[in-house]
Amino acid sequence: MALPEIGSQAPAFKLPNQDGIDISLGDYAGKQVLIWFFPRAFGNN
């Protein structure tokens, strides 16, 4: 998948938050959001 262009619409996705609860981008439809990502230092391998 190619990276989206700046200012383009983000693709639909669902990921777990810091508490392990799945969050969907669609949950924030019609709102401006900032997506901040960083890898876990201590993941469950």
N, C-alpha and C. Protein backbone atom coordinates (compact mmCIF):
# COMPACT_ATOMS: atom_id res chain seq x y z
N MET A 1 0.85 -1.17 0.00
CA MET A 1 0.00 0.00 0.00
C MET A 1 0.90 1.24 0.00
N ALA A 2 0.60 2.17 -0.86
CA ALA A 2 1.36 3.41 -0.93
C ALA A 2 0.99 4.33 0.24
N LEU A 3 1.92 5.17 0.62
CA LEU A 3 1.64 6.14 1.69
C LEU A 3 0.66 7.19 1.19
N PRO A 4 -0.27 7.61 2.04
CA PRO A 4 -1.23 8.65 1.61
C PRO A 4 -0.53 10.00 1.47
N GLU A 5 -1.05 10.82 0.60
CA GLU A 5 -0.54 12.18 0.41
C GLU A 5 -0.99 13.04 1.58
N ILE A 6 -0.19 14.02 1.94
CA ILE A 6 -0.56 14.95 3.00
C ILE A 6 -1.87 15.64 2.62
N GLY A 7 -2.80 15.66 3.56
CA GLY A 7 -4.09 16.30 3.33
C GLY A 7 -5.14 15.39 2.70
N SER A 8 -4.75 14.17 2.31
CA SER A 8 -5.73 13.26 1.70
C SER A 8 -6.49 12.52 2.79
N GLN A 9 -7.59 11.91 2.41
CA GLN A 9 -8.42 11.17 3.35
C GLN A 9 -7.70 9.88 3.75
N ALA A 10 -7.66 9.60 5.03
CA ALA A 10 -7.01 8.39 5.53
C ALA A 10 -7.87 7.16 5.25
N PRO A 11 -7.24 6.03 5.01
CA PRO A 11 -8.02 4.79 4.82
C PRO A 11 -8.63 4.35 6.14
N ALA A 12 -9.71 3.59 6.06
CA ALA A 12 -10.35 3.07 7.28
C ALA A 12 -9.42 2.05 7.93
N PHE A 13 -9.31 2.11 9.23
CA PHE A 13 -8.51 1.13 9.95
C PHE A 13 -8.99 1.04 11.39
N LYS A 14 -8.57 -0.05 12.05
CA LYS A 14 -8.88 -0.27 13.46
C LYS A 14 -7.62 -0.80 14.11
N LEU A 15 -7.23 -0.20 15.24
CA LEU A 15 -6.03 -0.60 15.98
C LEU A 15 -6.31 -0.52 17.48
N PRO A 16 -5.58 -1.31 18.28
CA PRO A 16 -5.75 -1.20 19.73
C PRO A 16 -5.09 0.05 20.27
N ASN A 17 -5.72 0.69 21.25
CA ASN A 17 -5.12 1.85 21.90
C ASN A 17 -4.20 1.38 23.03
N GLN A 18 -3.72 2.31 23.82
CA GLN A 18 -2.78 1.99 24.90
C GLN A 18 -3.37 1.07 25.95
N ASP A 19 -4.70 0.96 26.00
CA ASP A 19 -5.37 0.10 26.96
C ASP A 19 -5.81 -1.23 26.35
N GLY A 20 -5.45 -1.46 25.08
CA GLY A 20 -5.81 -2.69 24.40
C GLY A 20 -7.21 -2.69 23.81
N ILE A 21 -7.91 -1.56 23.85
CA ILE A 21 -9.26 -1.44 23.30
C ILE A 21 -9.16 -1.04 21.83
N ASP A 22 -9.85 -1.78 20.96
CA ASP A 22 -9.83 -1.45 19.53
C ASP A 22 -10.52 -0.12 19.27
N ILE A 23 -9.86 0.74 18.54
CA ILE A 23 -10.38 2.05 18.15
C ILE A 23 -10.40 2.10 16.64
N SER A 24 -11.51 2.53 16.09
CA SER A 24 -11.67 2.65 14.64
C SER A 24 -11.61 4.12 14.25
N LEU A 25 -10.99 4.40 13.14
CA LEU A 25 -10.96 5.77 12.65
C LEU A 25 -12.38 6.27 12.41
N GLY A 26 -13.28 5.37 12.03
CA GLY A 26 -14.68 5.74 11.81
C GLY A 26 -15.38 6.24 13.06
N ASP A 27 -14.85 5.91 14.24
CA ASP A 27 -15.42 6.40 15.49
C ASP A 27 -15.34 7.92 15.58
N TYR A 28 -14.45 8.50 14.79
CA TYR A 28 -14.21 9.94 14.84
C TYR A 28 -14.62 10.63 13.54
N ALA A 29 -15.54 10.03 12.79
CA ALA A 29 -16.00 10.59 11.52
C ALA A 29 -16.53 12.00 11.72
N GLY A 30 -16.12 12.91 10.86
CA GLY A 30 -16.57 14.29 10.92
C GLY A 30 -15.77 15.15 11.88
N LYS A 31 -14.78 14.57 12.54
CA LYS A 31 -13.94 15.31 13.49
C LYS A 31 -12.51 15.34 12.98
N GLN A 32 -11.77 16.34 13.40
CA GLN A 32 -10.35 16.38 13.07
C GLN A 32 -9.61 15.56 14.11
N VAL A 33 -8.71 14.70 13.65
CA VAL A 33 -7.94 13.86 14.57
C VAL A 33 -6.46 13.93 14.25
N LEU A 34 -5.66 13.71 15.24
CA LEU A 34 -4.22 13.58 15.09
C LEU A 34 -3.87 12.16 15.49
N ILE A 35 -3.19 11.46 14.62
CA ILE A 35 -2.81 10.08 14.90
C ILE A 35 -1.33 10.09 15.25
N TRP A 36 -1.04 9.66 16.46
CA TRP A 36 0.33 9.64 16.96
C TRP A 36 0.71 8.19 17.18
N PHE A 37 1.76 7.76 16.57
CA PHE A 37 2.17 6.36 16.66
C PHE A 37 3.60 6.27 17.15
N PHE A 38 3.85 5.34 18.06
CA PHE A 38 5.21 4.98 18.43
C PHE A 38 5.21 3.51 18.80
N PRO A 39 6.28 2.80 18.47
CA PRO A 39 6.34 1.37 18.77
C PRO A 39 6.45 1.13 20.27
N ARG A 40 5.91 0.04 20.71
CA ARG A 40 6.01 -0.34 22.12
C ARG A 40 7.44 -0.74 22.46
N ALA A 41 7.89 -0.33 23.60
CA ALA A 41 9.21 -0.71 24.06
C ALA A 41 9.20 -2.16 24.55
N PHE A 42 8.08 -2.58 25.13
CA PHE A 42 7.96 -3.93 25.68
C PHE A 42 6.72 -4.59 25.12
N GLY A 43 6.81 -5.13 23.92
CA GLY A 43 5.67 -5.78 23.28
C GLY A 43 5.52 -7.22 23.74
N ASN A 44 4.37 -7.79 23.48
CA ASN A 44 4.14 -9.21 23.77
C ASN A 44 4.57 -10.00 22.57
N ASN A 45 5.68 -10.67 22.66
CA ASN A 45 6.19 -11.45 21.52
C ASN A 45 5.62 -12.80 21.58
